[in-house]
N, C-alpha and C. Protein backbone atom coordinates (compact mmCIF):
# COMPACT_ATOMS: atom_id res chain seq x y z
N UNK A 1 198.33 -123.87 44.70
CA UNK A 1 197.45 -124.37 43.63
C UNK A 1 196.94 -123.18 42.82
N UNK A 2 197.27 -123.12 41.53
CA UNK A 2 196.85 -122.01 40.69
C UNK A 2 195.46 -122.28 40.11
N UNK A 3 194.71 -121.18 39.85
CA UNK A 3 193.38 -121.31 39.28
C UNK A 3 193.45 -121.64 37.79
N UNK A 4 192.59 -122.54 37.36
CA UNK A 4 192.51 -122.90 35.95
C UNK A 4 191.30 -122.22 35.32
N UNK A 5 191.41 -121.70 34.10
CA UNK A 5 190.22 -121.23 33.38
C UNK A 5 189.24 -122.39 33.23
N UNK A 6 187.96 -122.05 33.12
CA UNK A 6 186.92 -123.08 33.10
C UNK A 6 187.14 -124.11 32.00
N UNK A 7 187.45 -123.67 30.79
CA UNK A 7 187.60 -124.61 29.68
C UNK A 7 188.71 -125.63 29.96
N UNK A 8 189.85 -125.16 30.48
CA UNK A 8 190.96 -126.06 30.76
C UNK A 8 190.64 -126.97 31.94
N UNK A 9 190.04 -126.41 32.97
CA UNK A 9 189.71 -127.21 34.14
C UNK A 9 188.73 -128.33 33.83
N UNK A 10 187.68 -128.01 33.12
CA UNK A 10 186.69 -129.03 32.81
C UNK A 10 187.21 -130.05 31.80
N UNK A 11 188.19 -129.66 31.00
CA UNK A 11 188.84 -130.64 30.12
C UNK A 11 189.51 -131.72 30.97
N UNK A 12 190.18 -131.30 32.04
CA UNK A 12 190.84 -132.25 32.92
C UNK A 12 189.85 -133.05 33.76
N UNK A 13 188.69 -132.46 34.02
CA UNK A 13 187.69 -133.09 34.89
C UNK A 13 186.80 -134.08 34.14
N UNK A 14 186.80 -134.04 32.82
CA UNK A 14 185.82 -134.77 32.02
C UNK A 14 185.73 -136.25 32.37
N UNK A 15 186.85 -136.90 32.59
CA UNK A 15 186.84 -138.35 32.82
C UNK A 15 186.18 -138.75 34.14
N UNK A 16 186.15 -137.84 35.12
CA UNK A 16 185.58 -138.19 36.42
C UNK A 16 184.41 -137.29 36.80
N UNK A 17 183.90 -136.50 35.85
CA UNK A 17 182.93 -135.46 36.15
C UNK A 17 181.61 -135.98 36.71
N UNK A 18 181.18 -137.16 36.29
CA UNK A 18 179.87 -137.65 36.70
C UNK A 18 179.81 -138.08 38.16
N UNK A 19 180.92 -138.15 38.85
CA UNK A 19 180.93 -138.46 40.29
C UNK A 19 180.39 -137.26 41.06
N UNK A 20 179.38 -137.48 41.89
CA UNK A 20 178.78 -136.39 42.66
C UNK A 20 179.77 -135.82 43.67
N UNK A 21 179.66 -134.50 43.88
CA UNK A 21 180.42 -133.80 44.91
C UNK A 21 179.43 -133.17 45.89
N UNK A 22 179.95 -132.62 46.97
CA UNK A 22 179.08 -131.93 47.92
C UNK A 22 178.31 -130.81 47.22
N UNK A 23 179.03 -130.01 46.45
CA UNK A 23 178.39 -128.88 45.78
C UNK A 23 177.35 -129.35 44.78
N UNK A 24 177.68 -130.35 43.95
CA UNK A 24 176.73 -130.79 42.92
C UNK A 24 175.49 -131.43 43.53
N UNK A 25 175.65 -132.17 44.62
CA UNK A 25 174.49 -132.82 45.25
C UNK A 25 173.58 -131.79 45.90
N UNK A 26 174.18 -130.81 46.60
CA UNK A 26 173.37 -129.76 47.22
C UNK A 26 172.68 -128.92 46.15
N UNK A 27 173.40 -128.65 45.06
CA UNK A 27 172.82 -127.86 43.97
C UNK A 27 171.63 -128.58 43.35
N UNK A 28 171.76 -129.87 43.10
CA UNK A 28 170.68 -130.61 42.47
C UNK A 28 169.44 -130.63 43.36
N UNK A 29 169.65 -130.81 44.66
CA UNK A 29 168.52 -130.82 45.59
C UNK A 29 167.83 -129.45 45.63
N UNK A 30 168.62 -128.38 45.59
CA UNK A 30 168.06 -127.03 45.61
C UNK A 30 167.23 -126.77 44.35
N UNK A 31 167.71 -127.22 43.19
CA UNK A 31 166.96 -127.05 41.95
C UNK A 31 165.65 -127.84 42.02
N UNK A 32 165.69 -129.04 42.54
CA UNK A 32 164.47 -129.83 42.66
C UNK A 32 163.45 -129.13 43.55
N UNK A 33 163.91 -128.45 44.60
CA UNK A 33 162.99 -127.75 45.50
C UNK A 33 162.36 -126.51 44.86
N UNK A 34 162.94 -126.03 43.77
CA UNK A 34 162.30 -124.92 43.06
C UNK A 34 160.98 -125.37 42.44
N UNK A 35 160.83 -126.66 42.21
CA UNK A 35 159.54 -127.21 41.78
C UNK A 35 159.19 -126.98 40.33
N UNK A 36 160.19 -126.86 39.46
CA UNK A 36 159.93 -126.65 38.03
C UNK A 36 160.08 -127.97 37.30
N UNK A 37 158.98 -128.51 36.82
CA UNK A 37 159.01 -129.76 36.07
C UNK A 37 159.28 -129.49 34.60
N UNK A 38 160.15 -130.28 34.02
CA UNK A 38 160.45 -130.16 32.59
C UNK A 38 159.54 -131.03 31.73
N UNK A 39 158.66 -131.79 32.34
CA UNK A 39 157.81 -132.72 31.60
C UNK A 39 157.02 -131.99 30.51
N UNK A 40 157.16 -132.44 29.28
CA UNK A 40 156.43 -131.87 28.15
C UNK A 40 156.95 -130.53 27.67
N UNK A 41 158.07 -130.06 28.22
CA UNK A 41 158.60 -128.74 27.88
C UNK A 41 159.81 -128.85 26.96
N UNK A 42 160.23 -127.71 26.43
CA UNK A 42 161.51 -127.61 25.74
C UNK A 42 162.52 -127.11 26.76
N UNK A 43 163.67 -127.79 26.85
CA UNK A 43 164.65 -127.54 27.91
C UNK A 43 166.04 -127.38 27.33
N UNK A 44 166.74 -126.33 27.77
CA UNK A 44 168.14 -126.11 27.41
C UNK A 44 168.98 -126.13 28.68
N UNK A 45 170.04 -126.93 28.68
CA UNK A 45 170.99 -126.98 29.80
C UNK A 45 172.29 -126.33 29.33
N UNK A 46 172.55 -125.11 29.83
CA UNK A 46 173.74 -124.35 29.46
C UNK A 46 174.86 -124.68 30.45
N UNK A 47 175.97 -125.18 29.93
CA UNK A 47 177.02 -125.68 30.80
C UNK A 47 176.68 -127.07 31.29
N UNK A 48 176.25 -127.90 30.35
CA UNK A 48 175.68 -129.22 30.68
C UNK A 48 176.72 -130.26 31.06
N UNK A 49 178.01 -129.98 30.82
CA UNK A 49 179.00 -131.01 31.08
C UNK A 49 178.77 -132.22 30.19
N UNK A 50 178.66 -133.39 30.80
CA UNK A 50 178.39 -134.62 30.06
C UNK A 50 176.92 -134.84 29.77
N UNK A 51 176.09 -133.90 30.24
CA UNK A 51 174.64 -134.03 30.04
C UNK A 51 173.95 -134.86 31.09
N UNK A 52 174.62 -135.13 32.21
CA UNK A 52 174.05 -136.06 33.20
C UNK A 52 172.71 -135.60 33.76
N UNK A 53 172.48 -134.28 33.88
CA UNK A 53 171.21 -133.80 34.43
C UNK A 53 170.09 -133.84 33.40
N UNK A 54 170.42 -134.06 32.12
CA UNK A 54 169.39 -134.10 31.09
C UNK A 54 168.72 -135.46 30.97
N UNK A 55 169.28 -136.46 31.63
CA UNK A 55 168.69 -137.79 31.55
C UNK A 55 167.40 -137.85 32.35
N UNK A 56 166.37 -138.42 31.76
CA UNK A 56 165.11 -138.68 32.46
C UNK A 56 164.43 -137.41 32.96
N UNK A 57 164.49 -136.32 32.19
CA UNK A 57 163.80 -135.09 32.60
C UNK A 57 162.32 -135.10 32.22
N UNK A 58 161.96 -135.93 31.26
CA UNK A 58 160.59 -135.93 30.77
C UNK A 58 160.29 -134.80 29.80
N UNK A 59 161.31 -134.05 29.41
CA UNK A 59 161.12 -132.93 28.49
C UNK A 59 160.71 -133.43 27.11
N UNK A 60 159.86 -132.66 26.43
CA UNK A 60 159.49 -132.99 25.05
C UNK A 60 160.70 -132.89 24.14
N UNK A 61 161.53 -131.89 24.39
CA UNK A 61 162.78 -131.71 23.65
C UNK A 61 163.81 -131.14 24.60
N UNK A 62 164.97 -131.76 24.71
CA UNK A 62 166.02 -131.30 25.62
C UNK A 62 167.35 -131.29 24.88
N UNK A 63 168.13 -130.24 25.11
CA UNK A 63 169.43 -130.11 24.48
C UNK A 63 170.38 -129.46 25.48
N UNK A 64 171.65 -129.82 25.38
CA UNK A 64 172.67 -129.24 26.24
C UNK A 64 173.77 -128.59 25.43
N UNK A 65 174.41 -127.58 26.03
CA UNK A 65 175.53 -126.92 25.39
C UNK A 65 176.62 -126.72 26.44
N UNK A 66 177.87 -126.96 26.05
CA UNK A 66 178.98 -126.82 26.98
C UNK A 66 180.19 -126.28 26.24
N UNK A 67 181.00 -125.51 26.94
CA UNK A 67 182.16 -124.88 26.33
C UNK A 67 183.32 -125.86 26.11
N UNK A 68 183.23 -127.03 26.75
CA UNK A 68 184.35 -127.97 26.75
C UNK A 68 184.06 -129.17 25.84
N UNK A 69 184.72 -129.30 24.71
CA UNK A 69 184.46 -130.43 23.81
C UNK A 69 184.66 -131.79 24.47
N UNK A 70 185.63 -131.87 25.38
CA UNK A 70 185.89 -133.15 26.05
C UNK A 70 184.71 -133.59 26.90
N UNK A 71 183.99 -132.65 27.49
CA UNK A 71 182.79 -132.98 28.25
C UNK A 71 181.70 -133.51 27.32
N UNK A 72 181.46 -132.79 26.25
CA UNK A 72 180.43 -133.21 25.30
C UNK A 72 180.73 -134.58 24.74
N UNK A 73 182.00 -134.89 24.51
CA UNK A 73 182.40 -136.18 23.94
C UNK A 73 182.11 -137.33 24.89
N UNK A 74 182.01 -137.06 26.19
CA UNK A 74 181.73 -138.10 27.19
C UNK A 74 180.25 -138.43 27.31
N UNK A 75 179.42 -137.70 26.60
CA UNK A 75 177.97 -137.89 26.72
C UNK A 75 177.51 -139.18 26.06
N UNK A 76 176.48 -139.82 26.65
CA UNK A 76 175.85 -140.95 25.96
C UNK A 76 175.27 -140.50 24.63
N UNK A 77 175.27 -141.38 23.67
CA UNK A 77 174.87 -141.00 22.32
C UNK A 77 173.44 -140.53 22.18
N UNK A 78 172.56 -140.91 23.10
CA UNK A 78 171.15 -140.56 22.93
C UNK A 78 170.84 -139.12 23.30
N UNK A 79 171.77 -138.41 23.95
CA UNK A 79 171.55 -137.02 24.35
C UNK A 79 171.94 -136.07 23.22
N UNK A 80 171.23 -134.95 23.14
CA UNK A 80 171.55 -133.91 22.14
C UNK A 80 172.43 -132.87 22.82
N UNK A 81 173.71 -132.89 22.52
CA UNK A 81 174.65 -131.93 23.09
C UNK A 81 175.46 -131.28 21.98
N UNK A 82 175.88 -130.03 22.23
CA UNK A 82 176.73 -129.33 21.29
C UNK A 82 177.70 -128.45 22.06
N UNK A 83 178.73 -128.02 21.39
CA UNK A 83 179.73 -127.15 22.00
C UNK A 83 179.34 -125.69 21.76
N UNK A 84 179.41 -124.88 22.81
CA UNK A 84 179.07 -123.47 22.68
C UNK A 84 179.34 -122.73 23.97
N UNK A 85 179.19 -121.41 23.93
CA UNK A 85 179.52 -120.51 25.02
C UNK A 85 178.24 -119.84 25.52
N UNK A 86 178.08 -119.72 26.83
CA UNK A 86 176.90 -119.07 27.41
C UNK A 86 176.76 -117.63 26.94
N UNK A 87 177.85 -117.01 26.53
CA UNK A 87 177.80 -115.61 26.08
C UNK A 87 177.42 -115.48 24.60
N UNK A 88 177.29 -116.59 23.91
CA UNK A 88 176.91 -116.59 22.49
C UNK A 88 176.28 -117.94 22.17
N UNK A 89 175.07 -118.16 22.64
CA UNK A 89 174.43 -119.46 22.51
C UNK A 89 174.00 -119.72 21.07
N UNK A 90 174.24 -120.94 20.57
CA UNK A 90 173.95 -121.26 19.16
C UNK A 90 172.51 -121.70 18.93
N UNK A 91 171.54 -120.91 19.43
CA UNK A 91 170.13 -121.26 19.30
C UNK A 91 169.33 -120.01 18.97
N UNK A 92 168.19 -120.18 18.26
CA UNK A 92 167.34 -119.02 17.95
C UNK A 92 166.72 -118.43 19.21
N UNK A 93 166.30 -117.20 19.13
CA UNK A 93 165.62 -116.54 20.24
C UNK A 93 164.26 -117.19 20.50
N UNK A 94 163.81 -117.10 21.75
CA UNK A 94 162.47 -117.54 22.16
C UNK A 94 162.23 -119.02 21.86
N UNK A 95 163.21 -119.86 22.14
CA UNK A 95 163.14 -121.27 21.76
C UNK A 95 162.72 -122.19 22.90
N UNK A 96 163.13 -121.90 24.14
CA UNK A 96 163.01 -122.87 25.23
C UNK A 96 162.08 -122.39 26.35
N UNK A 97 161.25 -123.33 26.84
CA UNK A 97 160.39 -123.05 27.98
C UNK A 97 161.21 -122.91 29.27
N UNK A 98 162.25 -123.74 29.38
CA UNK A 98 163.10 -123.76 30.58
C UNK A 98 164.55 -123.69 30.14
N UNK A 99 165.30 -122.80 30.77
CA UNK A 99 166.73 -122.68 30.51
C UNK A 99 167.47 -122.87 31.83
N UNK A 100 168.33 -123.87 31.88
CA UNK A 100 169.19 -124.07 33.04
C UNK A 100 170.56 -123.45 32.78
N UNK A 101 171.11 -122.83 33.81
CA UNK A 101 172.50 -122.38 33.79
C UNK A 101 173.06 -122.72 35.18
N UNK A 102 173.51 -123.94 35.33
CA UNK A 102 173.75 -124.51 36.65
C UNK A 102 175.25 -124.61 36.96
N UNK A 103 175.66 -123.86 37.99
CA UNK A 103 177.07 -123.83 38.43
C UNK A 103 177.98 -123.36 37.31
N UNK A 104 177.50 -122.41 36.54
CA UNK A 104 178.25 -121.87 35.40
C UNK A 104 178.56 -120.38 35.58
N UNK A 105 177.59 -119.60 36.06
CA UNK A 105 177.70 -118.15 36.05
C UNK A 105 178.95 -117.66 36.79
N UNK A 106 179.38 -118.39 37.81
CA UNK A 106 180.57 -118.01 38.57
C UNK A 106 181.86 -118.17 37.79
N UNK A 107 181.81 -118.89 36.68
CA UNK A 107 182.99 -119.04 35.83
C UNK A 107 183.09 -117.94 34.77
N UNK A 108 182.06 -117.09 34.69
CA UNK A 108 181.97 -116.10 33.62
C UNK A 108 182.20 -114.71 34.17
N UNK A 109 183.26 -114.07 33.73
CA UNK A 109 183.53 -112.70 34.17
C UNK A 109 182.43 -111.76 33.66
N UNK A 110 182.03 -111.95 32.39
CA UNK A 110 181.03 -111.08 31.75
C UNK A 110 179.63 -111.58 32.05
N UNK A 111 179.22 -111.42 33.32
CA UNK A 111 177.94 -111.98 33.77
C UNK A 111 176.75 -111.38 33.02
N UNK A 112 176.81 -110.10 32.68
CA UNK A 112 175.70 -109.46 31.96
C UNK A 112 175.49 -110.09 30.59
N UNK A 113 176.58 -110.42 29.90
CA UNK A 113 176.47 -111.06 28.59
C UNK A 113 175.81 -112.43 28.70
N UNK A 114 176.11 -113.13 29.79
CA UNK A 114 175.49 -114.44 30.01
C UNK A 114 173.98 -114.30 30.22
N UNK A 115 173.58 -113.35 31.07
CA UNK A 115 172.14 -113.16 31.30
C UNK A 115 171.41 -112.71 30.04
N UNK A 116 172.07 -111.90 29.23
CA UNK A 116 171.45 -111.47 27.97
C UNK A 116 171.11 -112.67 27.10
N UNK A 117 172.03 -113.63 27.00
CA UNK A 117 171.81 -114.80 26.17
C UNK A 117 170.80 -115.77 26.79
N UNK A 118 170.87 -115.96 28.10
CA UNK A 118 169.90 -116.84 28.76
C UNK A 118 168.49 -116.35 28.55
N UNK A 119 168.30 -115.04 28.66
CA UNK A 119 166.97 -114.46 28.44
C UNK A 119 166.56 -114.55 26.98
N UNK A 120 167.49 -114.28 26.09
CA UNK A 120 167.17 -114.27 24.65
C UNK A 120 166.58 -115.59 24.18
N UNK A 121 167.15 -116.71 24.60
CA UNK A 121 166.70 -118.01 24.10
C UNK A 121 165.49 -118.54 24.85
N UNK A 122 165.08 -117.85 25.93
CA UNK A 122 163.93 -118.30 26.72
C UNK A 122 162.63 -117.75 26.15
N UNK A 123 161.60 -118.58 26.11
CA UNK A 123 160.29 -118.16 25.64
C UNK A 123 159.68 -117.10 26.57
N UNK A 124 158.76 -116.32 26.06
CA UNK A 124 158.03 -115.38 26.89
C UNK A 124 157.24 -116.17 27.94
N UNK A 125 157.38 -115.77 29.19
CA UNK A 125 156.71 -116.49 30.27
C UNK A 125 157.46 -117.71 30.75
N UNK A 126 158.59 -118.04 30.09
CA UNK A 126 159.39 -119.19 30.50
C UNK A 126 160.25 -118.88 31.71
N UNK A 127 161.04 -119.87 32.13
CA UNK A 127 161.87 -119.69 33.31
C UNK A 127 163.34 -119.95 32.99
N UNK A 128 164.18 -119.19 33.68
CA UNK A 128 165.63 -119.37 33.64
C UNK A 128 166.08 -119.71 35.05
N UNK A 129 166.75 -120.85 35.21
CA UNK A 129 167.24 -121.27 36.52
C UNK A 129 168.75 -121.15 36.53
N UNK A 130 169.25 -120.32 37.45
CA UNK A 130 170.69 -120.06 37.58
C UNK A 130 171.14 -120.49 38.97
N UNK A 131 172.20 -121.28 39.05
CA UNK A 131 172.74 -121.68 40.35
C UNK A 131 174.22 -121.32 40.41
N UNK A 132 174.69 -121.16 41.65
CA UNK A 132 176.08 -120.78 41.86
C UNK A 132 176.43 -121.01 43.31
N UNK A 133 177.72 -120.93 43.63
CA UNK A 133 178.13 -120.91 45.03
C UNK A 133 177.49 -119.71 45.71
N UNK A 134 177.12 -119.86 46.98
CA UNK A 134 176.53 -118.76 47.72
C UNK A 134 177.59 -117.75 48.12
N UNK A 135 177.14 -116.52 48.39
CA UNK A 135 178.04 -115.48 48.87
C UNK A 135 178.68 -115.92 50.19
N UNK A 136 177.89 -116.60 51.04
CA UNK A 136 178.40 -117.03 52.35
C UNK A 136 179.55 -118.03 52.20
N UNK A 137 179.41 -118.96 51.27
CA UNK A 137 180.46 -119.97 51.12
C UNK A 137 181.73 -119.37 50.52
N UNK A 138 181.58 -118.43 49.58
CA UNK A 138 182.75 -117.75 49.01
C UNK A 138 183.45 -116.93 50.08
N UNK A 139 182.66 -116.21 50.89
CA UNK A 139 183.24 -115.39 51.96
C UNK A 139 183.97 -116.25 52.98
N UNK A 140 183.49 -117.48 53.16
CA UNK A 140 184.13 -118.40 54.12
C UNK A 140 185.37 -119.06 53.53
N UNK A 141 185.68 -118.75 52.27
CA UNK A 141 186.90 -119.28 51.66
C UNK A 141 186.70 -120.53 50.83
N UNK A 142 185.43 -120.91 50.56
CA UNK A 142 185.20 -122.10 49.75
C UNK A 142 185.64 -121.86 48.32
N UNK A 143 186.34 -122.81 47.72
CA UNK A 143 186.86 -122.73 46.36
C UNK A 143 186.16 -123.73 45.46
N UNK A 144 186.17 -123.44 44.16
CA UNK A 144 185.66 -124.39 43.18
C UNK A 144 186.81 -125.33 42.82
N UNK A 145 186.82 -126.49 43.43
CA UNK A 145 187.90 -127.45 43.19
C UNK A 145 187.34 -128.78 42.70
N UNK A 146 188.20 -129.59 42.11
CA UNK A 146 187.82 -130.93 41.67
C UNK A 146 189.05 -131.81 41.65
N UNK A 147 188.82 -133.11 41.64
CA UNK A 147 189.90 -134.08 41.49
C UNK A 147 189.81 -134.70 40.10
N UNK A 148 190.93 -134.71 39.40
CA UNK A 148 190.94 -135.32 38.08
C UNK A 148 191.01 -136.85 38.21
N UNK A 149 191.05 -137.53 37.07
CA UNK A 149 191.01 -138.99 37.08
C UNK A 149 192.21 -139.60 37.80
N UNK A 150 193.32 -138.85 37.91
CA UNK A 150 194.50 -139.34 38.63
C UNK A 150 194.48 -138.99 40.12
N UNK A 151 193.43 -138.27 40.55
CA UNK A 151 193.30 -137.92 41.95
C UNK A 151 193.95 -136.60 42.33
N UNK A 152 194.45 -135.85 41.35
CA UNK A 152 195.06 -134.55 41.62
C UNK A 152 193.96 -133.50 41.77
N UNK A 153 194.09 -132.65 42.79
CA UNK A 153 193.11 -131.60 43.04
C UNK A 153 193.49 -130.33 42.30
N UNK A 154 192.50 -129.73 41.63
CA UNK A 154 192.69 -128.48 40.89
C UNK A 154 191.65 -127.47 41.35
N UNK A 155 191.99 -126.20 41.22
CA UNK A 155 191.05 -125.11 41.54
C UNK A 155 190.62 -124.43 40.25
N UNK A 156 189.31 -124.17 40.14
CA UNK A 156 188.76 -123.51 38.97
C UNK A 156 188.61 -122.01 39.23
N UNK A 157 188.85 -121.23 38.19
CA UNK A 157 188.63 -119.79 38.27
C UNK A 157 187.17 -119.51 38.60
N UNK A 158 186.96 -118.57 39.54
CA UNK A 158 185.59 -118.28 39.96
C UNK A 158 185.43 -116.78 40.22
N UNK A 159 184.33 -116.23 39.73
CA UNK A 159 183.99 -114.82 39.95
C UNK A 159 182.73 -114.77 40.81
N UNK A 160 182.81 -114.07 41.93
CA UNK A 160 181.68 -114.01 42.87
C UNK A 160 180.72 -112.90 42.43
N UNK A 161 179.55 -113.30 41.91
CA UNK A 161 178.52 -112.35 41.48
C UNK A 161 177.43 -112.31 42.55
N UNK A 162 177.26 -111.18 43.21
CA UNK A 162 176.25 -111.08 44.26
C UNK A 162 174.85 -111.18 43.65
N UNK A 163 173.89 -111.51 44.50
CA UNK A 163 172.50 -111.58 44.05
C UNK A 163 172.04 -110.22 43.52
N UNK A 164 172.49 -109.15 44.17
CA UNK A 164 172.10 -107.81 43.73
C UNK A 164 172.58 -107.51 42.32
N UNK A 165 173.83 -107.85 42.02
CA UNK A 165 174.36 -107.62 40.68
C UNK A 165 173.66 -108.50 39.65
N UNK A 166 173.37 -109.74 40.03
CA UNK A 166 172.66 -110.63 39.11
C UNK A 166 171.25 -110.11 38.85
N UNK A 167 170.60 -109.59 39.89
CA UNK A 167 169.24 -109.07 39.73
C UNK A 167 169.21 -107.90 38.76
N UNK A 168 170.19 -107.00 38.87
CA UNK A 168 170.26 -105.87 37.95
C UNK A 168 170.42 -106.35 36.51
N UNK A 169 171.35 -107.30 36.32
CA UNK A 169 171.57 -107.83 34.98
C UNK A 169 170.33 -108.54 34.46
N UNK A 170 169.73 -109.36 35.30
CA UNK A 170 168.54 -110.11 34.87
C UNK A 170 167.38 -109.19 34.51
N UNK A 171 167.12 -108.17 35.34
CA UNK A 171 166.03 -107.24 35.08
C UNK A 171 166.23 -106.49 33.78
N UNK A 172 167.48 -106.17 33.47
CA UNK A 172 167.77 -105.47 32.23
C UNK A 172 167.37 -106.28 31.00
N UNK A 173 167.29 -107.59 31.17
CA UNK A 173 166.94 -108.46 30.04
C UNK A 173 165.60 -109.16 30.24
N UNK A 174 164.72 -108.54 31.02
CA UNK A 174 163.34 -108.99 31.11
C UNK A 174 163.09 -110.15 32.05
N UNK A 175 163.98 -110.39 33.01
CA UNK A 175 163.82 -111.49 33.95
C UNK A 175 163.52 -110.95 35.34
N UNK A 176 162.57 -111.58 36.03
CA UNK A 176 162.22 -111.19 37.40
C UNK A 176 162.40 -112.38 38.32
N UNK A 177 163.02 -112.16 39.48
CA UNK A 177 163.24 -113.24 40.43
C UNK A 177 161.92 -113.69 41.04
N UNK A 178 161.63 -114.98 40.90
CA UNK A 178 160.37 -115.52 41.39
C UNK A 178 160.56 -116.40 42.62
N UNK A 179 161.69 -117.08 42.70
CA UNK A 179 161.89 -118.01 43.82
C UNK A 179 163.38 -118.24 44.01
N UNK A 180 163.76 -118.54 45.26
CA UNK A 180 165.15 -118.86 45.58
C UNK A 180 165.19 -120.03 46.54
N UNK A 181 166.15 -120.91 46.34
CA UNK A 181 166.39 -122.01 47.27
C UNK A 181 167.88 -122.07 47.57
N UNK A 182 168.22 -122.39 48.82
CA UNK A 182 169.62 -122.56 49.22
C UNK A 182 169.93 -124.04 49.41
N UNK A 183 171.12 -124.42 49.01
CA UNK A 183 171.63 -125.76 49.29
C UNK A 183 172.50 -125.70 50.52
N UNK A 184 171.98 -126.16 51.65
CA UNK A 184 172.64 -126.02 52.94
C UNK A 184 173.33 -127.33 53.31
N UNK A 185 174.56 -127.23 53.79
CA UNK A 185 175.30 -128.42 54.22
C UNK A 185 174.58 -129.07 55.38
N UNK A 186 174.19 -130.34 55.19
CA UNK A 186 173.48 -131.07 56.24
C UNK A 186 173.85 -132.55 56.14
N UNK A 187 173.14 -133.38 56.87
CA UNK A 187 173.47 -134.80 56.95
C UNK A 187 173.39 -135.52 55.60
N UNK A 188 172.65 -134.94 54.65
CA UNK A 188 172.49 -135.59 53.35
C UNK A 188 173.82 -135.69 52.59
N UNK A 189 174.77 -134.83 52.91
CA UNK A 189 176.06 -134.85 52.21
C UNK A 189 177.21 -135.27 53.12
N UNK A 190 176.91 -135.69 54.33
CA UNK A 190 177.98 -136.04 55.27
C UNK A 190 178.88 -137.15 54.73
N UNK A 191 178.30 -138.17 54.09
CA UNK A 191 179.10 -139.28 53.61
C UNK A 191 180.11 -138.84 52.55
N UNK A 192 179.75 -137.84 51.75
CA UNK A 192 180.69 -137.34 50.75
C UNK A 192 181.91 -136.71 51.42
N UNK A 193 181.70 -136.00 52.50
CA UNK A 193 182.83 -135.47 53.27
C UNK A 193 183.67 -136.61 53.85
N UNK A 194 182.98 -137.61 54.40
CA UNK A 194 183.69 -138.74 55.00
C UNK A 194 184.53 -139.46 53.96
N UNK A 195 183.94 -139.71 52.78
CA UNK A 195 184.65 -140.42 51.72
C UNK A 195 185.90 -139.66 51.26
N UNK A 196 185.84 -138.33 51.38
CA UNK A 196 186.98 -137.50 50.97
C UNK A 196 187.96 -137.26 52.11
N UNK A 197 187.68 -137.84 53.28
CA UNK A 197 188.54 -137.63 54.43
C UNK A 197 188.46 -136.22 54.99
N UNK A 198 187.27 -135.60 54.88
CA UNK A 198 187.11 -134.20 55.28
C UNK A 198 186.05 -134.05 56.37
N UNK A 199 186.08 -134.94 57.34
CA UNK A 199 185.10 -134.88 58.43
C UNK A 199 185.17 -133.56 59.19
N UNK A 200 186.37 -133.04 59.39
CA UNK A 200 186.51 -131.78 60.11
C UNK A 200 185.85 -130.63 59.34
N UNK A 201 185.98 -130.66 58.02
CA UNK A 201 185.35 -129.63 57.19
C UNK A 201 183.83 -129.73 57.28
N UNK A 202 183.31 -130.95 57.37
CA UNK A 202 181.86 -131.12 57.51
C UNK A 202 181.36 -130.45 58.78
N UNK A 203 182.05 -130.69 59.89
CA UNK A 203 181.62 -130.09 61.15
C UNK A 203 181.70 -128.58 61.08
N UNK A 204 182.72 -128.07 60.42
CA UNK A 204 182.89 -126.62 60.30
C UNK A 204 181.83 -126.00 59.41
N UNK A 205 181.45 -126.70 58.34
CA UNK A 205 180.53 -126.13 57.36
C UNK A 205 179.07 -126.51 57.58
N UNK A 206 178.79 -127.36 58.54
CA UNK A 206 177.41 -127.79 58.82
C UNK A 206 176.52 -126.57 59.03
N UNK A 207 175.43 -126.53 58.27
CA UNK A 207 174.49 -125.42 58.36
C UNK A 207 174.79 -124.27 57.42
N UNK A 208 175.91 -124.33 56.71
CA UNK A 208 176.26 -123.25 55.79
C UNK A 208 175.45 -123.37 54.49
N UNK A 209 174.86 -122.27 54.01
CA UNK A 209 174.25 -122.29 52.67
C UNK A 209 175.36 -122.29 51.62
N UNK A 210 175.66 -123.45 51.07
CA UNK A 210 176.79 -123.61 50.15
C UNK A 210 176.45 -123.14 48.74
N UNK A 211 175.20 -123.36 48.33
CA UNK A 211 174.79 -123.09 46.95
C UNK A 211 173.49 -122.30 46.97
N UNK A 212 173.32 -121.40 46.00
CA UNK A 212 172.03 -120.74 45.82
C UNK A 212 171.46 -121.09 44.46
N UNK A 213 170.16 -121.28 44.42
CA UNK A 213 169.45 -121.57 43.17
C UNK A 213 168.39 -120.50 42.97
N UNK A 214 168.41 -119.85 41.81
CA UNK A 214 167.53 -118.73 41.51
C UNK A 214 166.62 -119.07 40.34
N UNK A 215 165.35 -118.80 40.50
CA UNK A 215 164.37 -119.02 39.43
C UNK A 215 163.91 -117.66 38.93
N UNK A 216 164.24 -117.35 37.68
CA UNK A 216 163.84 -116.10 37.04
C UNK A 216 162.71 -116.38 36.06
N UNK A 217 161.70 -115.52 36.05
CA UNK A 217 160.59 -115.64 35.10
C UNK A 217 160.74 -114.54 34.04
N UNK A 218 160.64 -114.92 32.78
CA UNK A 218 160.81 -113.93 31.70
C UNK A 218 159.54 -113.13 31.47
N UNK A 219 159.67 -111.82 31.63
CA UNK A 219 158.60 -110.87 31.35
C UNK A 219 157.33 -111.18 32.12
N UNK A 220 157.47 -111.71 33.35
CA UNK A 220 156.30 -111.92 34.20
C UNK A 220 155.91 -110.56 34.79
N UNK A 221 154.63 -110.40 35.03
CA UNK A 221 154.16 -109.12 35.57
C UNK A 221 154.40 -109.07 37.06
């Protein structure tokens, strides 16, 4: 199975993207545990896919951007989505109270350019939330894979950025790590393994921190 670049892979995934996976469910739970409410805030979701996480956030203003036009086209009409790249975001500086970059950074070779843009569009004192596969799961051989609408499994290109390298990049652009949460394989995702016929993988991965969620504060003292 050859690796697909993110744009091509997500083009193929668009029709079935809204179906939860082990990684997406653990990631969402980890972000919720960070405790950042979007209620009354301005929110940007970078790498939003179909915009599914933007529904019902309570944000005063919420917008999503994704590199894949096919993903954006699948969005419900009431969401504000546009096509764009995390390395060159189409928004003015200092615009958003909260910036999400969820399960995206691992698809970007130029991680420093991504952090530069995430920080640029974030308000002073705002937060940037970045999630990715954990170092432990990558070391254990976990791949970024998905099944397309026909049931064919594909692997997505992934670059493993350690927390140390991300911290250096983030600090260079005025971001300080404030909180971290791990998405650990547990009983909450067992049924997803069962549905995929991967019970043996569940037993093997039980207790593994599959996803990390990082909360960066812009220019906090």
